[in-house]
Amino acid sequence: MKLKNRKENDEIILTQEYILDHAAGVHTYESFGRGIVQAMLMGAAEQVKQSGQMDEVVLDAKVHITPNTEKECITVCIDTIVGRICVHADVEFP
């Protein structure tokens, strides 16, 4: 059986899906939260730079929640001004 993302000689093929699956595992819950806050502050700084001094900055965020059947978890991603930040939400089964 040929494994997904592998050539015939067993070399790994870099695909967008393969890279994003690994990127989602980079964060712990704490670093995920820090990454989101940093991205939001960068977005706020950019809005203030473009508009001048403001009393409030409002940012929109798009959240993606998808099943990851290979890792038996859910991937939670938030699109930010600096890119998509993801984390795997694992559950321990009894």
N, C-alpha and C. Protein backbone atom coordinates (compact mmCIF):
# COMPACT_ATOMS: atom_id res chain seq x y z
N MET A 1 0.83 -1.18 0.00
CA MET A 1 0.00 0.00 0.00
C MET A 1 0.88 1.25 0.00
N LYS A 2 0.62 2.16 -0.90
CA LYS A 2 1.38 3.41 -0.99
C LYS A 2 0.80 4.42 -0.01
N LEU A 3 1.66 4.96 0.84
CA LEU A 3 1.21 5.96 1.81
C LEU A 3 0.97 7.30 1.14
N LYS A 4 0.03 8.04 1.68
CA LYS A 4 -0.28 9.37 1.18
C LYS A 4 0.97 10.26 1.30
N ASN A 5 1.17 11.14 0.34
CA ASN A 5 2.30 12.08 0.30
C ASN A 5 3.66 11.38 0.18
N ARG A 6 3.69 10.21 -0.44
CA ARG A 6 4.96 9.52 -0.66
C ARG A 6 5.10 9.13 -2.12
N LYS A 7 6.33 9.25 -2.61
CA LYS A 7 6.64 8.77 -3.96
C LYS A 7 6.86 7.26 -3.88
N GLU A 8 7.04 6.66 -5.04
CA GLU A 8 7.28 5.21 -5.10
C GLU A 8 8.52 4.80 -4.31
N ASN A 9 9.54 5.67 -4.26
CA ASN A 9 10.78 5.34 -3.55
C ASN A 9 10.71 5.75 -2.07
N ASP A 10 9.52 6.03 -1.56
CA ASP A 10 9.25 6.38 -0.15
C ASP A 10 9.68 7.80 0.23
N GLU A 11 10.11 8.62 -0.73
CA GLU A 11 10.39 10.01 -0.43
C GLU A 11 9.08 10.73 -0.14
N ILE A 12 9.11 11.65 0.79
CA ILE A 12 7.92 12.43 1.11
C ILE A 12 7.71 13.51 0.07
N ILE A 13 6.47 13.67 -0.37
CA ILE A 13 6.11 14.71 -1.32
C ILE A 13 5.53 15.87 -0.53
N LEU A 14 6.06 17.05 -0.73
CA LEU A 14 5.53 18.23 -0.05
C LEU A 14 4.32 18.74 -0.83
N THR A 15 3.17 18.63 -0.21
CA THR A 15 1.94 19.19 -0.76
C THR A 15 1.43 20.23 0.22
N GLN A 16 0.54 21.06 -0.23
CA GLN A 16 -0.03 22.08 0.66
C GLN A 16 -0.70 21.40 1.86
N GLU A 17 -1.45 20.35 1.61
CA GLU A 17 -2.14 19.64 2.70
C GLU A 17 -1.13 19.09 3.72
N TYR A 18 -0.05 18.49 3.24
CA TYR A 18 0.98 17.92 4.11
C TYR A 18 1.61 19.01 4.98
N ILE A 19 1.93 20.13 4.38
CA ILE A 19 2.55 21.24 5.12
C ILE A 19 1.57 21.81 6.14
N LEU A 20 0.32 22.04 5.74
CA LEU A 20 -0.68 22.60 6.67
C LEU A 20 -0.98 21.65 7.82
N ASP A 21 -0.98 20.35 7.56
CA ASP A 21 -1.18 19.37 8.64
C ASP A 21 -0.08 19.51 9.69
N HIS A 22 1.15 19.72 9.25
CA HIS A 22 2.26 19.88 10.18
C HIS A 22 2.23 21.25 10.85
N ALA A 23 1.84 22.28 10.12
CA ALA A 23 1.78 23.63 10.70
C ALA A 23 0.79 23.69 11.85
N ALA A 24 -0.31 22.95 11.72
CA ALA A 24 -1.32 22.95 12.78
C ALA A 24 -0.77 22.37 14.07
N GLY A 25 0.22 21.49 13.99
CA GLY A 25 0.79 20.88 15.19
C GLY A 25 1.88 21.69 15.85
N VAL A 26 2.21 22.84 15.31
CA VAL A 26 3.30 23.66 15.85
C VAL A 26 2.92 24.29 17.18
N HIS A 27 1.65 24.64 17.33
CA HIS A 27 1.22 25.38 18.51
C HIS A 27 0.69 24.51 19.63
N THR A 28 1.00 24.94 20.87
CA THR A 28 0.29 24.44 22.05
C THR A 28 -0.91 25.37 22.20
N TYR A 29 -1.81 25.07 23.12
CA TYR A 29 -2.95 25.97 23.33
C TYR A 29 -2.48 27.36 23.75
N GLU A 30 -1.44 27.43 24.57
CA GLU A 30 -0.92 28.74 25.01
C GLU A 30 -0.31 29.51 23.84
N SER A 31 0.52 28.85 23.05
CA SER A 31 1.16 29.57 21.93
C SER A 31 0.13 29.93 20.86
N PHE A 32 -0.91 29.12 20.70
CA PHE A 32 -2.00 29.42 19.77
C PHE A 32 -2.66 30.73 20.18
N GLY A 33 -2.97 30.87 21.48
CA GLY A 33 -3.58 32.10 21.98
C GLY A 33 -2.65 33.30 21.81
N ARG A 34 -1.38 33.11 22.09
CA ARG A 34 -0.41 34.20 21.93
C ARG A 34 -0.29 34.60 20.46
N GLY A 35 -0.29 33.61 19.57
CA GLY A 35 -0.22 33.90 18.14
C GLY A 35 -1.41 34.71 17.66
N ILE A 36 -2.59 34.37 18.16
CA ILE A 36 -3.80 35.10 17.79
C ILE A 36 -3.73 36.54 18.30
N VAL A 37 -3.35 36.71 19.55
CA VAL A 37 -3.25 38.07 20.12
C VAL A 37 -2.23 38.88 19.35
N GLN A 38 -1.07 38.30 19.04
CA GLN A 38 -0.05 39.03 18.28
C GLN A 38 -0.59 39.43 16.91
N ALA A 39 -1.26 38.51 16.23
CA ALA A 39 -1.80 38.82 14.90
C ALA A 39 -2.85 39.93 14.98
N MET A 40 -3.68 39.90 16.01
CA MET A 40 -4.70 40.93 16.16
C MET A 40 -4.06 42.30 16.45
N LEU A 41 -3.02 42.31 17.26
CA LEU A 41 -2.33 43.58 17.53
C LEU A 41 -1.65 44.12 16.28
N MET A 42 -1.09 43.23 15.46
CA MET A 42 -0.49 43.66 14.20
C MET A 42 -1.56 44.25 13.28
N GLY A 43 -2.73 43.62 13.24
CA GLY A 43 -3.84 44.13 12.44
C GLY A 43 -4.31 45.48 12.93
N ALA A 44 -4.39 45.63 14.25
CA ALA A 44 -4.80 46.91 14.82
C ALA A 44 -3.78 48.00 14.50
N ALA A 45 -2.50 47.67 14.62
CA ALA A 45 -1.45 48.64 14.32
C ALA A 45 -1.53 49.09 12.86
N GLU A 46 -1.83 48.17 11.95
CA GLU A 46 -1.94 48.50 10.53
C GLU A 46 -3.14 49.42 10.29
N GLN A 47 -4.26 49.15 10.95
CA GLN A 47 -5.44 50.02 10.79
C GLN A 47 -5.18 51.42 11.31
N VAL A 48 -4.51 51.53 12.46
CA VAL A 48 -4.20 52.84 13.02
C VAL A 48 -3.21 53.58 12.11
N LYS A 49 -2.26 52.85 11.55
CA LYS A 49 -1.30 53.46 10.62
C LYS A 49 -2.02 54.06 9.42
N GLN A 50 -3.01 53.34 8.89
CA GLN A 50 -3.73 53.80 7.71
C GLN A 50 -4.75 54.90 8.02
N SER A 51 -5.38 54.84 9.19
CA SER A 51 -6.48 55.75 9.50
C SER A 51 -6.11 56.85 10.48
N GLY A 52 -4.97 56.76 11.10
CA GLY A 52 -4.61 57.73 12.13
C GLY A 52 -5.13 57.29 13.49
N GLN A 53 -5.00 58.15 14.47
CA GLN A 53 -5.39 57.83 15.84
C GLN A 53 -6.85 57.40 15.90
N MET A 54 -7.13 56.34 16.67
CA MET A 54 -8.49 55.81 16.77
C MET A 54 -8.82 55.52 18.23
N ASP A 55 -10.11 55.55 18.58
CA ASP A 55 -10.55 55.17 19.92
C ASP A 55 -10.72 53.66 20.04
N GLU A 56 -11.02 53.01 18.90
CA GLU A 56 -11.26 51.57 18.91
C GLU A 56 -10.93 50.99 17.54
N VAL A 57 -10.39 49.78 17.55
CA VAL A 57 -10.13 49.06 16.30
C VAL A 57 -10.97 47.79 16.34
N VAL A 58 -11.71 47.54 15.28
CA VAL A 58 -12.52 46.34 15.17
C VAL A 58 -11.96 45.48 14.05
N LEU A 59 -11.63 44.24 14.37
CA LEU A 59 -11.08 43.30 13.39
C LEU A 59 -12.03 42.13 13.19
N ASP A 60 -12.19 41.72 11.96
CA ASP A 60 -12.98 40.53 11.66
C ASP A 60 -12.06 39.32 11.64
N ALA A 61 -12.58 38.20 12.10
CA ALA A 61 -11.81 36.96 12.07
C ALA A 61 -12.68 35.85 11.50
N LYS A 62 -12.08 35.02 10.69
CA LYS A 62 -12.77 33.85 10.16
C LYS A 62 -12.16 32.62 10.83
N VAL A 63 -13.03 31.78 11.41
CA VAL A 63 -12.59 30.58 12.11
C VAL A 63 -12.97 29.36 11.29
N HIS A 64 -12.02 28.44 11.13
CA HIS A 64 -12.26 27.19 10.40
C HIS A 64 -12.11 26.03 11.38
N ILE A 65 -13.11 25.19 11.47
CA ILE A 65 -13.05 24.01 12.32
C ILE A 65 -13.29 22.80 11.42
N THR A 66 -12.28 21.93 11.33
CA THR A 66 -12.38 20.78 10.43
C THR A 66 -11.92 19.51 11.13
N PRO A 67 -12.51 18.37 10.76
CA PRO A 67 -12.03 17.11 11.32
C PRO A 67 -10.72 16.71 10.67
N ASN A 68 -9.86 16.10 11.44
CA ASN A 68 -8.62 15.54 10.91
C ASN A 68 -8.68 14.05 11.22
N THR A 69 -9.15 13.27 10.25
CA THR A 69 -9.37 11.85 10.49
C THR A 69 -8.07 11.08 10.67
N GLU A 70 -6.98 11.54 10.06
CA GLU A 70 -5.71 10.83 10.21
C GLU A 70 -5.18 10.94 11.63
N LYS A 71 -5.36 12.09 12.26
CA LYS A 71 -4.86 12.30 13.62
C LYS A 71 -5.97 12.13 14.65
N GLU A 72 -7.19 11.82 14.19
CA GLU A 72 -8.35 11.64 15.05
C GLU A 72 -8.52 12.83 16.00
N CYS A 73 -8.55 14.01 15.41
CA CYS A 73 -8.73 15.23 16.19
C CYS A 73 -9.47 16.25 15.33
N ILE A 74 -9.63 17.42 15.87
CA ILE A 74 -10.23 18.53 15.13
C ILE A 74 -9.16 19.60 14.98
N THR A 75 -9.07 20.19 13.81
CA THR A 75 -8.15 21.30 13.58
C THR A 75 -8.94 22.59 13.64
N VAL A 76 -8.48 23.52 14.48
CA VAL A 76 -9.10 24.83 14.62
C VAL A 76 -8.12 25.86 14.07
N CYS A 77 -8.58 26.64 13.07
CA CYS A 77 -7.74 27.66 12.45
C CYS A 77 -8.45 29.00 12.46
N ILE A 78 -7.69 30.05 12.64
CA ILE A 78 -8.21 31.41 12.57
C ILE A 78 -7.40 32.17 11.54
N ASP A 79 -8.10 32.76 10.56
CA ASP A 79 -7.43 33.60 9.57
C ASP A 79 -7.16 34.96 10.18
N THR A 80 -5.91 35.41 10.10
CA THR A 80 -5.53 36.70 10.66
C THR A 80 -4.82 37.51 9.58
N ILE A 81 -4.50 38.72 9.91
CA ILE A 81 -3.80 39.61 8.96
C ILE A 81 -2.42 39.05 8.60
N VAL A 82 -1.84 38.25 9.48
CA VAL A 82 -0.51 37.70 9.19
C VAL A 82 -0.57 36.26 8.71
N GLY A 83 -1.77 35.77 8.43
CA GLY A 83 -1.92 34.41 7.92
C GLY A 83 -2.80 33.56 8.82
N ARG A 84 -2.90 32.30 8.49
CA ARG A 84 -3.75 31.37 9.23
C ARG A 84 -2.97 30.76 10.39
N ILE A 85 -3.57 30.76 11.58
CA ILE A 85 -2.97 30.18 12.77
C ILE A 85 -3.84 28.99 13.16
N CYS A 86 -3.22 27.80 13.33
CA CYS A 86 -3.99 26.58 13.58
C CYS A 86 -3.46 25.82 14.79
N VAL A 87 -4.34 25.02 15.37
CA VAL A 87 -3.98 24.12 16.45
C VAL A 87 -4.86 22.88 16.33
N HIS A 88 -4.33 21.73 16.76
CA HIS A 88 -5.13 20.51 16.82
C HIS A 88 -5.82 20.47 18.17
N ALA A 89 -7.12 20.20 18.16
CA ALA A 89 -7.87 20.00 19.41
C ALA A 89 -8.06 18.50 19.58
N ASP A 90 -7.27 17.92 20.47
CA ASP A 90 -7.32 16.48 20.69
C ASP A 90 -8.29 16.14 21.82
N VAL A 91 -8.78 14.92 21.79
CA VAL A 91 -9.62 14.41 22.86
C VAL A 91 -9.09 13.02 23.22
N GLU A 92 -9.09 12.72 24.51
CA GLU A 92 -8.66 11.39 24.93
C GLU A 92 -9.89 10.53 25.15
N PHE A 93 -9.93 9.41 24.44
CA PHE A 93 -11.05 8.50 24.57
C PHE A 93 -10.76 7.50 25.69
N PRO A 94 -11.80 7.15 26.44
CA PRO A 94 -11.58 6.18 27.55
C PRO A 94 -11.21 4.80 27.03
